[in-house]
């Protein structure tokens, strides 16, 4: 494992990077995931969702088998959604991420400290898995022309800058309506930044998902729907971001098709 895994690196504002072996481009972020991915010309992103999340190691084995079965290399793996039983401390999250990245390195995806794969990881308040599990995964397939398919990684109300999240959380510990409003605003603006960097807007997002265990209903119109978020619909899940003391997360995507396994 390269020594850069687990190092503290600020969320990059560098140019979007092409990952030619995978047929997609990505927005550089932290070692454990990218800020988002978009299919390159000649490719499209598809998604597989499991009827029930699979324990992570088992799920990643299924990913390998599935990609081999459709004639795609493991480097085509471009995004995933995880479900965890409870929130992690900063140290627990760092340990989990190092283990997760080892598989991506073996697949030829993670290289030299750069991780192109987008990711969402949340903790459901009901139907919690017993262990961190794979809910869905996305990959590229050849297609004609430009598909304009993409996956924006999930993000919560803290700057993504390596392993230390807690001290950077927006309005940490404040779950009042005003506190939640500021958290939602921060997350929305960061998602917009990622969309724009990859050449998209909320209007392009066919799937927008928000996650919180708090009642954010009174804020949904003012902070989301009234600001162009969820043009094609918005799904709200009762779930927490993966890092302790974070309260709100969002992601967005448009894929060519979704397969249910």
C-alpha atoms as a PDB file:
ATOM      1  CA  UNK A   1       0.000   0.000   0.000  1.00  0.00           C
ATOM      2  CA  UNK A   2       1.493   3.390  -0.920  1.00  0.00           C
ATOM      3  CA  UNK A   3       2.421   5.494   2.083  1.00  0.00           C
ATOM      4  CA  UNK A   4       0.104   8.271   0.921  1.00  0.00           C
ATOM      5  CA  UNK A   5      -2.957   6.256   1.969  1.00  0.00           C
ATOM      6  CA  UNK A   6      -4.371   7.904   5.051  1.00  0.00           C
ATOM      7  CA  UNK A   7      -2.359  11.100   4.647  1.00  0.00           C
ATOM      8  CA  UNK A   8      -4.041  14.431   5.220  1.00  0.00           C
ATOM      9  CA  UNK A   9      -4.802  16.050   1.844  1.00  0.00           C
ATOM     10  CA  UNK A  10      -7.101  18.975   1.160  1.00  0.00           C
ATOM     11  CA  UNK A  11     -10.023  18.481  -1.226  1.00  0.00           C
ATOM     12  CA  UNK A  12      -8.518  19.245  -4.599  1.00  0.00           C
ATOM     13  CA  UNK A  13      -9.752  21.985  -6.886  1.00  0.00           C
ATOM     14  CA  UNK A  14      -7.516  20.642  -9.664  1.00  0.00           C
ATOM     15  CA  UNK A  15      -8.723  19.976 -13.155  1.00  0.00           C
ATOM     16  CA  UNK A  16     -11.015  16.998 -13.606  1.00  0.00           C
ATOM     17  CA  UNK A  17      -8.818  13.970 -14.305  1.00  0.00           C
ATOM     18  CA  UNK A  18      -9.313  11.381 -17.034  1.00  0.00           C
ATOM     19  CA  UNK A  19      -9.155   7.722 -16.018  1.00  0.00           C
ATOM     20  CA  UNK A  20      -8.805   6.238 -19.469  1.00  0.00           C
ATOM     21  CA  UNK A  21      -8.593   2.622 -18.283  1.00  0.00           C
ATOM     22  CA  UNK A  22     -12.052   2.960 -16.783  1.00  0.00           C
ATOM     23  CA  UNK A  23     -13.756   5.027 -19.465  1.00  0.00           C
ATOM     24  CA  UNK A  24     -14.548   7.913 -17.142  1.00  0.00           C
ATOM     25  CA  UNK A  25     -13.218  11.141 -15.665  1.00  0.00           C
ATOM     26  CA  UNK A  26     -13.268  12.112 -11.998  1.00  0.00           C
ATOM     27  CA  UNK A  27     -13.001  15.014  -9.605  1.00  0.00           C
ATOM     28  CA  UNK A  28      -9.990  14.467  -7.307  1.00  0.00           C
ATOM     29  CA  UNK A  29     -10.777  14.549  -3.588  1.00  0.00           C
ATOM     30  CA  UNK A  30      -9.429  12.474  -0.685  1.00  0.00           C
ATOM     31  CA  UNK A  31      -7.674   9.093  -0.743  1.00  0.00           C
ATOM     32  CA  UNK A  32     -10.802   7.078   0.062  1.00  0.00           C
ATOM     33  CA  UNK A  33     -12.980   8.402  -2.769  1.00  0.00           C
ATOM     34  CA  UNK A  34     -13.323  11.022  -5.486  1.00  0.00           C
ATOM     35  CA  UNK A  35     -15.793  13.907  -5.526  1.00  0.00           C
ATOM     36  CA  UNK A  36     -17.641  12.403  -8.480  1.00  0.00           C
ATOM     37  CA  UNK A  37     -17.295  10.674 -11.836  1.00  0.00           C
ATOM     38  CA  UNK A  38     -18.647  11.195 -15.360  1.00  0.00           C
ATOM     39  CA  UNK A  39     -18.544   8.839 -18.324  1.00  0.00           C
ATOM     40  CA  UNK A  40     -16.055   9.693 -21.048  1.00  0.00           C
ATOM     41  CA  UNK A  41     -17.255   9.978 -24.679  1.00  0.00           C
ATOM     42  CA  UNK A  42     -17.980   6.502 -25.986  1.00  0.00           C
ATOM     43  CA  UNK A  43     -18.978   5.204 -22.551  1.00  0.00           C
ATOM     44  CA  UNK A  44     -21.988   5.288 -20.232  1.00  0.00           C
ATOM     45  CA  UNK A  45     -22.419   4.546 -16.546  1.00  0.00           C
ATOM     46  CA  UNK A  46     -24.750   1.769 -15.395  1.00  0.00           C
ATOM     47  CA  UNK A  47     -25.662   0.766 -11.845  1.00  0.00           C
ATOM     48  CA  UNK A  48     -26.363  -2.530 -10.091  1.00  0.00           C
ATOM     49  CA  UNK A  49     -28.404  -2.365  -6.875  1.00  0.00           C
ATOM     50  CA  UNK A  50     -28.797  -5.319  -4.542  1.00  0.00           C
ATOM     51  CA  UNK A  51     -32.197  -6.276  -3.155  1.00  0.00           C
ATOM     52  CA  UNK A  52     -30.489  -6.423   0.216  1.00  0.00           C
ATOM     53  CA  UNK A  53     -27.015  -5.010   0.925  1.00  0.00           C
ATOM     54  CA  UNK A  54     -24.214  -7.594   0.933  1.00  0.00           C
ATOM     55  CA  UNK A  55     -21.368  -7.618   3.489  1.00  0.00           C
ATOM     56  CA  UNK A  56     -18.644  -5.549   1.878  1.00  0.00           C
ATOM     57  CA  UNK A  57     -16.103  -8.311   1.175  1.00  0.00           C
ATOM     58  CA  UNK A  58     -18.821 -10.519  -0.333  1.00  0.00           C
ATOM     59  CA  UNK A  59     -20.219  -7.610  -2.313  1.00  0.00           C
ATOM     60  CA  UNK A  60     -16.857  -6.720  -3.814  1.00  0.00           C
ATOM     61  CA  UNK A  61     -16.397 -10.338  -4.870  1.00  0.00           C
ATOM     62  CA  UNK A  62     -19.774 -10.129  -6.633  1.00  0.00           C
ATOM     63  CA  UNK A  63     -18.604  -6.938  -8.368  1.00  0.00           C
ATOM     64  CA  UNK A  64     -15.579  -8.756  -9.805  1.00  0.00           C
ATOM     65  CA  UNK A  65     -17.689 -11.671 -10.995  1.00  0.00           C
ATOM     66  CA  UNK A  66     -20.339  -9.395 -12.506  1.00  0.00           C
ATOM     67  CA  UNK A  67     -17.848  -7.251 -14.397  1.00  0.00           C
ATOM     68  CA  UNK A  68     -16.067 -10.318 -15.723  1.00  0.00           C
ATOM     69  CA  UNK A  69     -19.420 -11.707 -16.837  1.00  0.00           C
ATOM     70  CA  UNK A  70     -20.233  -8.650 -18.941  1.00  0.00           C
ATOM     71  CA  UNK A  71     -16.733  -8.399 -20.354  1.00  0.00           C
ATOM     72  CA  UNK A  72     -15.650  -5.302 -18.438  1.00  0.00           C
ATOM     73  CA  UNK A  73     -12.375  -4.882 -16.515  1.00  0.00           C
ATOM     74  CA  UNK A  74     -12.311  -4.074 -12.806  1.00  0.00           C
ATOM     75  CA  UNK A  75     -11.043  -0.616 -13.773  1.00  0.00           C
ATOM     76  CA  UNK A  76     -14.579   0.074 -15.092  1.00  0.00           C
ATOM     77  CA  UNK A  77     -15.753   0.211 -11.450  1.00  0.00           C
ATOM     78  CA  UNK A  78     -16.452   3.913 -10.881  1.00  0.00           C
ATOM     79  CA  UNK A  79     -18.823   4.382  -7.914  1.00  0.00           C
ATOM     80  CA  UNK A  80     -20.536   2.579  -5.051  1.00  0.00           C
ATOM     81  CA  UNK A  81     -23.019   3.080  -2.255  1.00  0.00           C
ATOM     82  CA  UNK A  82     -22.342   1.538   1.142  1.00  0.00           C
ATOM     83  CA  UNK A  83     -24.514   0.990   4.198  1.00  0.00           C
ATOM     84  CA  UNK A  84     -22.974   0.834   7.679  1.00  0.00           C
ATOM     85  CA  UNK A  85     -24.469  -0.203  11.035  1.00  0.00           C
ATOM     86  CA  UNK A  86     -23.404   2.940  12.922  1.00  0.00           C
ATOM     87  CA  UNK A  87     -21.302   6.066  12.642  1.00  0.00           C
ATOM     88  CA  UNK A  88     -17.524   5.841  12.801  1.00  0.00           C
ATOM     89  CA  UNK A  89     -15.098   7.848  14.892  1.00  0.00           C
ATOM     90  CA  UNK A  90     -12.407   9.584  12.836  1.00  0.00           C
ATOM     91  CA  UNK A  91      -9.954   6.755  13.616  1.00  0.00           C
ATOM     92  CA  UNK A  92     -12.473   4.004  12.862  1.00  0.00           C
ATOM     93  CA  UNK A  93     -13.326   5.691   9.559  1.00  0.00           C
ATOM     94  CA  UNK A  94      -9.638   5.951   8.625  1.00  0.00           C
ATOM     95  CA  UNK A  95      -9.067   2.259   9.407  1.00  0.00           C
ATOM     96  CA  UNK A  96     -12.139   1.242   7.403  1.00  0.00           C
ATOM     97  CA  UNK A  97     -11.062   3.327   4.417  1.00  0.00           C
ATOM     98  CA  UNK A  98      -7.546   1.871   4.347  1.00  0.00           C
ATOM     99  CA  UNK A  99      -8.985  -1.636   4.181  1.00  0.00           C
ATOM    100  CA  UNK A 100     -11.498  -0.645   1.473  1.00  0.00           C
ATOM    101  CA  UNK A 101      -8.832   0.996  -0.687  1.00  0.00           C
ATOM    102  CA  UNK A 102      -6.689  -2.165  -0.688  1.00  0.00           C
ATOM    103  CA  UNK A 103      -9.261  -3.852  -2.932  1.00  0.00           C
ATOM    104  CA  UNK A 104      -9.281  -0.881  -5.322  1.00  0.00           C
ATOM    105  CA  UNK A 105      -5.504  -1.031  -5.486  1.00  0.00           C
ATOM    106  CA  UNK A 106      -5.615  -4.735  -6.352  1.00  0.00           C
ATOM    107  CA  UNK A 107      -8.145  -3.957  -9.088  1.00  0.00           C
ATOM    108  CA  UNK A 108      -5.820  -1.397 -10.656  1.00  0.00           C
ATOM    109  CA  UNK A 109      -8.177   1.479  -9.812  1.00  0.00           C
ATOM    110  CA  UNK A 110      -6.388   3.123  -6.885  1.00  0.00           C
ATOM    111  CA  UNK A 111      -2.898   4.185  -7.937  1.00  0.00           C
ATOM    112  CA  UNK A 112      -0.233   6.249  -6.254  1.00  0.00           C
ATOM    113  CA  UNK A 113      -2.581   7.905  -3.786  1.00  0.00           C
ATOM    114  CA  UNK A 114      -5.218   8.792  -6.403  1.00  0.00           C
ATOM    115  CA  UNK A 115      -8.685   7.266  -6.081  1.00  0.00           C
ATOM    116  CA  UNK A 116     -11.118   7.891  -8.972  1.00  0.00           C
ATOM    117  CA  UNK A 117     -14.076   5.993  -7.444  1.00  0.00           C
ATOM    118  CA  UNK A 118     -17.009   8.048  -6.110  1.00  0.00           C
ATOM    119  CA  UNK A 119     -18.738   6.754  -2.966  1.00  0.00           C
ATOM    120  CA  UNK A 120     -21.700   7.259  -0.653  1.00  0.00           C
ATOM    121  CA  UNK A 121     -21.649   5.607   2.778  1.00  0.00           C
ATOM    122  CA  UNK A 122     -24.556   6.143   5.176  1.00  0.00           C
ATOM    123  CA  UNK A 123     -26.008   4.526   8.301  1.00  0.00           C
ATOM    124  CA  UNK A 124     -29.730   3.681   8.025  1.00  0.00           C
ATOM    125  CA  UNK A 125     -31.887   4.206  11.107  1.00  0.00           C
ATOM    126  CA  UNK A 126     -33.882   1.054  10.265  1.00  0.00           C
ATOM    127  CA  UNK A 127     -32.870  -2.172   8.507  1.00  0.00           C
ATOM    128  CA  UNK A 128     -29.320  -1.609   9.691  1.00  0.00           C
ATOM    129  CA  UNK A 129     -26.773  -4.095   8.345  1.00  0.00           C
ATOM    130  CA  UNK A 130     -24.713  -6.035  10.867  1.00  0.00           C
ATOM    131  CA  UNK A 131     -21.503  -4.957   9.151  1.00  0.00           C
ATOM    132  CA  UNK A 132     -20.507  -2.363   6.500  1.00  0.00           C
ATOM    133  CA  UNK A 133     -22.223  -3.545   3.332  1.00  0.00           C
ATOM    134  CA  UNK A 134     -22.458  -2.857  -0.388  1.00  0.00           C
ATOM    135  CA  UNK A 135     -25.827  -1.405  -1.435  1.00  0.00           C
ATOM    136  CA  UNK A 136     -25.030  -0.693  -5.098  1.00  0.00           C
ATOM    137  CA  UNK A 137     -22.166  -0.196  -7.509  1.00  0.00           C
ATOM    138  CA  UNK A 138     -21.675   1.628 -10.811  1.00  0.00           C
ATOM    139  CA  UNK A 139     -19.446   0.875 -13.774  1.00  0.00           C
ATOM    140  CA  UNK A 140     -18.883   2.011 -17.346  1.00  0.00           C
ATOM    141  CA  UNK A 141     -19.912   0.259 -20.558  1.00  0.00           C
ATOM    142  CA  UNK A 142     -19.137   1.187 -24.172  1.00  0.00           C
ATOM    143  CA  UNK A 143     -21.850   3.135 -25.946  1.00  0.00           C
ATOM    144  CA  UNK A 144     -22.249   5.357 -28.970  1.00  0.00           C
ATOM    145  CA  UNK A 145     -21.707   9.087 -28.556  1.00  0.00           C
ATOM    146  CA  UNK A 146     -21.741  10.987 -25.280  1.00  0.00           C
ATOM    147  CA  UNK A 147     -24.103   9.613 -22.639  1.00  0.00           C
ATOM    148  CA  UNK A 148     -23.822  12.424 -20.056  1.00  0.00           C
ATOM    149  CA  UNK A 149     -24.060   9.937 -17.223  1.00  0.00           C
ATOM    150  CA  UNK A 150     -22.438  10.662 -13.876  1.00  0.00           C
ATOM    151  CA  UNK A 151     -22.355   9.933 -10.151  1.00  0.00           C
ATOM    152  CA  UNK A 152     -21.637  12.639  -7.576  1.00  0.00           C
ATOM    153  CA  UNK A 153     -20.184  11.246  -4.357  1.00  0.00           C
ATOM    154  CA  UNK A 154     -22.108  11.607  -1.132  1.00  0.00           C
ATOM    155  CA  UNK A 155     -21.001  14.511   1.013  1.00  0.00           C
ATOM    156  CA  UNK A 156     -21.863  15.681   4.522  1.00  0.00           C
ATOM    157  CA  UNK A 157     -21.464  19.016   6.309  1.00  0.00           C
ATOM    158  CA  UNK A 158     -17.687  18.926   6.773  1.00  0.00           C
ATOM    159  CA  UNK A 159     -14.844  19.768   4.390  1.00  0.00           C
ATOM    160  CA  UNK A 160     -13.294  16.543   3.091  1.00  0.00           C
ATOM    161  CA  UNK A 161      -9.637  16.863   3.996  1.00  0.00           C
ATOM    162  CA  UNK A 162      -8.265  13.479   4.904  1.00  0.00           C
ATOM    163  CA  UNK A 163      -8.958  11.776   8.225  1.00  0.00           C
ATOM    164  CA  UNK A 164      -9.954  14.612  10.582  1.00  0.00           C
ATOM    165  CA  UNK A 165     -13.609  15.535  10.187  1.00  0.00           C
ATOM    166  CA  UNK A 166     -15.005  16.229  13.630  1.00  0.00           C
ATOM    167  CA  UNK A 167     -13.481  19.652  14.269  1.00  0.00           C
ATOM    168  CA  UNK A 168     -14.522  20.887  10.813  1.00  0.00           C
ATOM    169  CA  UNK A 169     -18.219  19.934  11.018  1.00  0.00           C
ATOM    170  CA  UNK A 170     -20.564  22.828  10.264  1.00  0.00           C
ATOM    171  CA  UNK A 171     -22.554  23.742  13.415  1.00  0.00           C
ATOM    172  CA  UNK A 172     -21.365  20.574  15.165  1.00  0.00           C
ATOM    173  CA  UNK A 173     -23.860  19.384  17.749  1.00  0.00           C
ATOM    174  CA  UNK A 174     -26.510  21.870  16.641  1.00  0.00           C
ATOM    175  CA  UNK A 175     -29.596  20.042  15.382  1.00  0.00           C
ATOM    176  CA  UNK A 176     -31.926  23.011  15.739  1.00  0.00           C
ATOM    177  CA  UNK A 177     -33.790  24.101  12.619  1.00  0.00           C
ATOM    178  CA  UNK A 178     -31.248  26.886  12.072  1.00  0.00           C
ATOM    179  CA  UNK A 179     -28.355  24.487  12.576  1.00  0.00           C
ATOM    180  CA  UNK A 180     -29.791  21.962  10.141  1.00  0.00           C
ATOM    181  CA  UNK A 181     -30.478  24.726   7.616  1.00  0.00           C
ATOM    182  CA  UNK A 182     -26.837  25.770   7.624  1.00  0.00           C
ATOM    183  CA  UNK A 183     -25.708  22.162   7.298  1.00  0.00           C
ATOM    184  CA  UNK A 184     -28.055  21.557   4.349  1.00  0.00           C
ATOM    185  CA  UNK A 185     -26.910  24.746   2.666  1.00  0.00           C
ATOM    186  CA  UNK A 186     -23.255  23.779   2.975  1.00  0.00           C
ATOM    187  CA  UNK A 187     -23.902  20.318   1.517  1.00  0.00           C
ATOM    188  CA  UNK A 188     -26.057  21.669  -1.317  1.00  0.00           C
ATOM    189  CA  UNK A 189     -23.418  24.190  -2.334  1.00  0.00           C
ATOM    190  CA  UNK A 190     -20.671  21.549  -2.281  1.00  0.00           C
ATOM    191  CA  UNK A 191     -22.780  19.226  -4.432  1.00  0.00           C
ATOM    192  CA  UNK A 192     -23.336  22.099  -6.862  1.00  0.00           C
ATOM    193  CA  UNK A 193     -19.595  22.692  -7.013  1.00  0.00           C
ATOM    194  CA  UNK A 194     -18.988  19.058  -7.906  1.00  0.00           C
ATOM    195  CA  UNK A 195     -21.720  19.022 -10.532  1.00  0.00           C
ATOM    196  CA  UNK A 196     -20.378  22.162 -12.145  1.00  0.00           C
ATOM    197  CA  UNK A 197     -16.794  20.889 -12.152  1.00  0.00           C
ATOM    198  CA  UNK A 198     -17.900  17.805 -14.095  1.00  0.00           C
ATOM    199  CA  UNK A 199     -20.005  19.856 -16.520  1.00  0.00           C
ATOM    200  CA  UNK A 200     -23.494  19.309 -15.057  1.00  0.00           C
ATOM    201  CA  UNK A 201     -26.220  21.035 -13.053  1.00  0.00           C
ATOM    202  CA  UNK A 202     -29.143  19.953 -10.887  1.00  0.00           C
ATOM    203  CA  UNK A 203     -31.276  19.816 -14.027  1.00  0.00           C
ATOM    204  CA  UNK A 204     -29.083  16.969 -15.309  1.00  0.00           C
ATOM    205  CA  UNK A 205     -29.496  14.884 -12.126  1.00  0.00           C
ATOM    206  CA  UNK A 206     -32.208  12.253 -12.538  1.00  0.00           C
ATOM    207  CA  UNK A 207     -31.578  10.865  -9.037  1.00  0.00           C
ATOM    208  CA  UNK A 208     -31.047  13.138  -6.018  1.00  0.00           C
ATOM    209  CA  UNK A 209     -30.853  11.548  -2.587  1.00  0.00           C
ATOM    210  CA  UNK A 210     -30.711  13.202   0.833  1.00  0.00           C
ATOM    211  CA  UNK A 211     -29.927  11.456   4.112  1.00  0.00           C
ATOM    212  CA  UNK A 212     -30.682  12.579   7.665  1.00  0.00           C
ATOM    213  CA  UNK A 213     -32.140  11.066  10.817  1.00  0.00           C
ATOM    214  CA  UNK A 214     -33.639  14.473  11.688  1.00  0.00           C
ATOM    215  CA  UNK A 215     -36.871  16.029  10.452  1.00  0.00           C
ATOM    216  CA  UNK A 216     -35.597  18.310   7.693  1.00  0.00           C
ATOM    217  CA  UNK A 217     -39.029  18.506   6.070  1.00  0.00           C
ATOM    218  CA  UNK A 218     -39.580  22.199   6.930  1.00  0.00           C
ATOM    219  CA  UNK A 219     -36.305  23.013   5.146  1.00  0.00           C
ATOM    220  CA  UNK A 220     -36.716  20.936   1.988  1.00  0.00           C
ATOM    221  CA  UNK A 221     -38.440  23.593  -0.122  1.00  0.00           C
ATOM    222  CA  UNK A 222     -36.393  26.590   0.967  1.00  0.00           C
ATOM    223  CA  UNK A 223     -32.980  24.874   0.761  1.00  0.00           C
ATOM    224  CA  UNK A 224     -33.577  22.301  -1.974  1.00  0.00           C
ATOM    225  CA  UNK A 225     -36.680  22.290  -4.163  1.00  0.00           C
ATOM    226  CA  UNK A 226     -36.934  26.072  -4.244  1.00  0.00           C
ATOM    227  CA  UNK A 227     -33.312  26.274  -5.394  1.00  0.00           C
ATOM    228  CA  UNK A 228     -33.526  23.916  -8.328  1.00  0.00           C
ATOM    229  CA  UNK A 229     -32.566  20.721  -6.503  1.00  0.00           C
ATOM    230  CA  UNK A 230     -34.662  17.675  -7.341  1.00  0.00           C
ATOM    231  CA  UNK A 231     -36.046  18.832 -10.691  1.00  0.00           C
ATOM    232  CA  UNK A 232     -36.765  15.191 -11.489  1.00  0.00           C
ATOM    233  CA  UNK A 233     -37.588  14.180  -7.919  1.00  0.00           C
ATOM    234  CA  UNK A 234     -35.922  14.016  -4.523  1.00  0.00           C
ATOM    235  CA  UNK A 235     -35.648  10.963  -2.268  1.00  0.00           C
ATOM    236  CA  UNK A 236     -35.168  11.501   1.464  1.00  0.00           C
ATOM    237  CA  UNK A 237     -33.778   8.625   3.537  1.00  0.00           C
ATOM    238  CA  UNK A 238     -33.731   8.262   7.312  1.00  0.00           C
ATOM    239  CA  UNK A 239     -29.998   7.726   7.662  1.00  0.00           C
ATOM    240  CA  UNK A 240     -26.888   9.383   9.061  1.00  0.00           C
ATOM    241  CA  UNK A 241     -23.588  10.220   7.367  1.00  0.00           C
ATOM    242  CA  UNK A 242     -20.809   7.765   8.302  1.00  0.00           C
ATOM    243  CA  UNK A 243     -18.754  10.082  10.544  1.00  0.00           C
ATOM    244  CA  UNK A 244     -19.862  10.762  14.118  1.00  0.00           C
ATOM    245  CA  UNK A 245     -21.549  14.161  14.675  1.00  0.00           C
ATOM    246  CA  UNK A 246     -22.396  14.664  10.994  1.00  0.00           C
ATOM    247  CA  UNK A 247     -26.157  14.972  10.468  1.00  0.00           C
ATOM    248  CA  UNK A 248     -26.912  15.478   6.757  1.00  0.00           C
ATOM    249  CA  UNK A 249     -25.648  14.083   3.451  1.00  0.00           C
ATOM    250  CA  UNK A 250     -26.575  14.224  -0.244  1.00  0.00           C
ATOM    251  CA  UNK A 251     -25.596  12.643  -3.537  1.00  0.00           C
ATOM    252  CA  UNK A 252     -26.784  12.896  -7.145  1.00  0.00           C
ATOM    253  CA  UNK A 253     -26.545  10.834 -10.315  1.00  0.00           C
ATOM    254  CA  UNK A 254     -27.815   9.973 -13.761  1.00  0.00           C
ATOM    255  CA  UNK A 255     -27.121   6.488 -15.101  1.00  0.00           C
ATOM    256  CA  UNK A 256     -28.051   4.784 -18.345  1.00  0.00           C
ATOM    257  CA  UNK A 257     -29.867   1.958 -16.581  1.00  0.00           C
ATOM    258  CA  UNK A 258     -30.096   0.240 -13.194  1.00  0.00           C
ATOM    259  CA  UNK A 259     -30.084  -3.515 -12.714  1.00  0.00           C
ATOM    260  CA  UNK A 260     -31.653  -5.035  -9.575  1.00  0.00           C
ATOM    261  CA  UNK A 261     -29.916  -8.164  -8.236  1.00  0.00           C
END
